[in-house]
Amino acid sequence: MKVAFQKNPTSILDKLICWWTKSPYFHCVLNFSDGVSYSALPSTDTTQFYLIKFDENWDVVDIPMSAEQEANVRAFCQAELGCKYDFIGIFFSQIISWAVEDAARWFCSEVCLRALQQAELYIGVHPCQYSPGKLYQLVTTK
């Protein structure tokens, strides 16, 4: 399994995310071993599976896990498929830092981290407190 982090923002919103979080990353996705990706997308206001062609605008990090762990991650993603994007959660957890979240809504780094926790990884951290840049730091720190 991989987690991919999108960089080189072009939209105003993406640039604001990078500026606010002091990170080159404004979006992240899970990428399963079969090539299918999953994340929460503000453009479609939902969580979804989709295909991405990773290029120089992405940094991809391998997350070692067993087939059973990956199946647990995918099952979680399938269960959360179609959930709305959590714009309010971003405001209250990323901008205000109150760690407020909605159990039925997700933003990209939050749903990616919660999914990885289904593989018994990164237990003990609160996913709504992680931006794409902060998640990158977490998954690249040994």
Protein backbone atom coordinates (compact mmCIF):
# COMPACT_ATOMS: atom_id res chain seq x y z
CA MET A 1 0.00 0.00 0.00
CA LYS A 2 1.07 3.56 -0.61
CA VAL A 3 0.09 7.04 0.48
CA ALA A 4 0.56 9.69 -2.20
CA PHE A 5 0.91 13.40 -1.47
CA GLN A 6 0.07 16.01 -4.08
CA LYS A 7 2.32 19.06 -4.42
CA ASN A 8 2.78 21.99 -6.81
CA PRO A 9 -0.56 23.69 -6.13
CA THR A 10 -2.28 25.61 -8.89
CA SER A 11 -5.59 26.76 -7.38
CA ILE A 12 -5.95 29.47 -4.78
CA LEU A 13 -7.39 26.96 -2.29
CA ASP A 14 -4.49 24.55 -2.78
CA LYS A 15 -1.97 27.38 -2.35
CA LEU A 16 -3.74 28.51 0.83
CA ILE A 17 -3.54 24.99 2.26
CA CYS A 18 0.19 24.84 1.57
CA TRP A 19 0.75 28.30 3.03
CA TRP A 20 -1.35 27.66 6.15
CA THR A 21 0.20 24.25 6.86
CA LYS A 22 3.72 25.34 5.88
CA SER A 23 3.98 22.29 3.65
CA PRO A 24 4.39 21.57 -0.05
CA TYR A 25 1.41 19.18 0.13
CA PHE A 26 -2.25 20.12 -0.25
CA HIS A 27 -3.88 16.72 -0.88
CA CYS A 28 -3.26 13.04 -0.16
CA VAL A 29 -4.67 9.69 -1.23
CA LEU A 30 -4.35 6.04 -0.34
CA ASN A 31 -3.15 3.87 -3.20
CA PHE A 32 -3.91 0.16 -2.96
CA SER A 33 -1.70 -2.58 -4.38
CA ASP A 34 -4.10 -3.01 -7.33
CA GLY A 35 -3.58 0.65 -8.35
CA VAL A 36 -6.94 1.97 -7.14
CA SER A 37 -6.80 5.13 -5.02
CA TYR A 38 -9.14 6.44 -2.34
CA SER A 39 -9.58 9.80 -0.66
CA ALA A 40 -11.99 12.60 0.19
CA LEU A 41 -12.29 15.14 -2.59
CA PRO A 42 -13.54 18.68 -2.05
CA SER A 43 -14.26 19.03 -5.78
CA THR A 44 -16.87 16.25 -5.65
CA ASP A 45 -17.77 16.77 -1.96
CA THR A 46 -17.40 13.04 -1.27
CA THR A 47 -15.11 10.13 -0.50
CA GLN A 48 -14.48 7.89 -3.47
CA PHE A 49 -12.30 5.32 -5.18
CA TYR A 50 -10.64 6.44 -8.43
CA LEU A 51 -7.60 5.99 -10.64
CA ILE A 52 -4.72 8.46 -10.61
CA LYS A 53 -1.70 8.67 -12.87
CA PHE A 54 1.05 9.70 -10.46
CA ASP A 55 3.56 12.12 -11.97
CA GLU A 56 6.10 14.68 -10.73
CA ASN A 57 3.32 16.45 -8.82
CA TRP A 58 3.09 13.56 -6.35
CA ASP A 59 5.38 12.15 -3.68
CA VAL A 60 4.52 8.51 -3.03
CA VAL A 61 5.40 6.73 0.22
CA ASP A 62 5.30 2.95 0.60
CA ILE A 63 3.51 1.73 3.72
CA PRO A 64 4.52 -1.89 4.39
CA MET A 65 1.58 -4.04 5.42
CA SER A 66 0.24 -7.54 5.01
CA ALA A 67 -2.56 -8.48 2.62
CA GLU A 68 -4.87 -8.81 5.62
CA GLN A 69 -4.02 -5.30 6.83
CA GLU A 70 -4.63 -3.88 3.35
CA ALA A 71 -7.97 -5.71 3.22
CA ASN A 72 -8.93 -4.07 6.52
CA VAL A 73 -8.01 -0.65 5.13
CA ARG A 74 -10.04 -1.28 1.96
CA ALA A 75 -13.04 -2.51 3.97
CA PHE A 76 -12.98 0.72 5.97
CA CYS A 77 -12.77 2.79 2.78
CA GLN A 78 -15.65 0.84 1.25
CA ALA A 79 -17.74 1.42 4.38
CA GLU A 80 -17.02 5.18 4.20
CA LEU A 81 -17.57 5.42 0.44
CA GLY A 82 -19.76 8.36 -0.48
CA CYS A 83 -19.36 10.27 2.78
CA LYS A 84 -19.44 14.03 2.40
CA TYR A 85 -16.33 16.23 2.52
CA ASP A 86 -15.75 17.75 5.97
CA PHE A 87 -15.34 21.48 5.33
CA ILE A 88 -16.49 22.29 8.89
CA GLY A 89 -14.02 19.80 10.34
CA ILE A 90 -11.18 21.44 8.44
CA PHE A 91 -12.14 24.79 9.92
CA PHE A 92 -12.46 23.55 13.50
CA SER A 93 -9.53 21.11 13.51
CA GLN A 94 -7.02 22.68 11.14
CA ILE A 95 -7.65 26.41 11.45
CA ILE A 96 -9.05 26.77 14.98
CA SER A 97 -7.27 23.65 16.37
CA TRP A 98 -10.22 22.47 18.45
CA ALA A 99 -10.05 18.89 17.08
CA VAL A 100 -13.74 18.97 16.17
CA GLU A 101 -14.81 16.31 13.73
CA ASP A 102 -17.96 14.89 12.19
CA ALA A 103 -18.07 11.08 12.22
CA ALA A 104 -19.96 11.07 8.90
CA ARG A 105 -17.68 13.51 7.01
CA TRP A 106 -14.00 13.43 6.08
CA PHE A 107 -11.20 15.51 4.62
CA CYS A 108 -8.36 13.83 2.74
CA SER A 109 -5.63 13.42 5.35
CA GLU A 110 -8.15 12.60 8.05
CA VAL A 111 -9.75 9.70 6.15
CA CYS A 112 -6.36 8.41 4.96
CA LEU A 113 -4.99 8.29 8.49
CA ARG A 114 -8.15 6.75 9.95
CA ALA A 115 -8.02 4.08 7.22
CA LEU A 116 -4.37 3.30 8.03
CA GLN A 117 -5.37 2.86 11.65
CA GLN A 118 -7.54 -0.07 10.52
CA ALA A 119 -4.22 -1.81 9.76
CA GLU A 120 -3.13 -1.16 13.38
CA LEU A 121 -0.77 1.61 12.22
CA TYR A 122 -0.37 5.07 13.76
CA ILE A 123 -2.60 4.19 16.70
CA GLY A 124 -2.88 6.88 19.36
CA VAL A 125 -3.01 9.88 17.03
CA HIS A 126 -6.13 11.89 16.28
CA PRO A 127 -6.67 11.90 12.47
CA CYS A 128 -8.57 15.20 12.33
CA GLN A 129 -5.45 16.97 13.59
CA TYR A 130 -3.41 15.91 10.53
CA SER A 131 -3.00 17.96 7.38
CA PRO A 132 -1.45 16.33 4.29
CA GLY A 133 1.94 17.76 5.28
CA LYS A 134 1.71 16.54 8.84
CA LEU A 135 0.61 13.09 7.62
CA TYR A 136 3.62 13.03 5.29
CA GLN A 137 5.88 13.67 8.29
CA LEU A 138 4.15 10.89 10.25
CA VAL A 139 4.48 8.21 7.54
CA THR A 140 8.07 9.09 6.67
CA THR A 141 9.35 9.14 10.26
CA LYS A 142 10.68 5.79 11.39
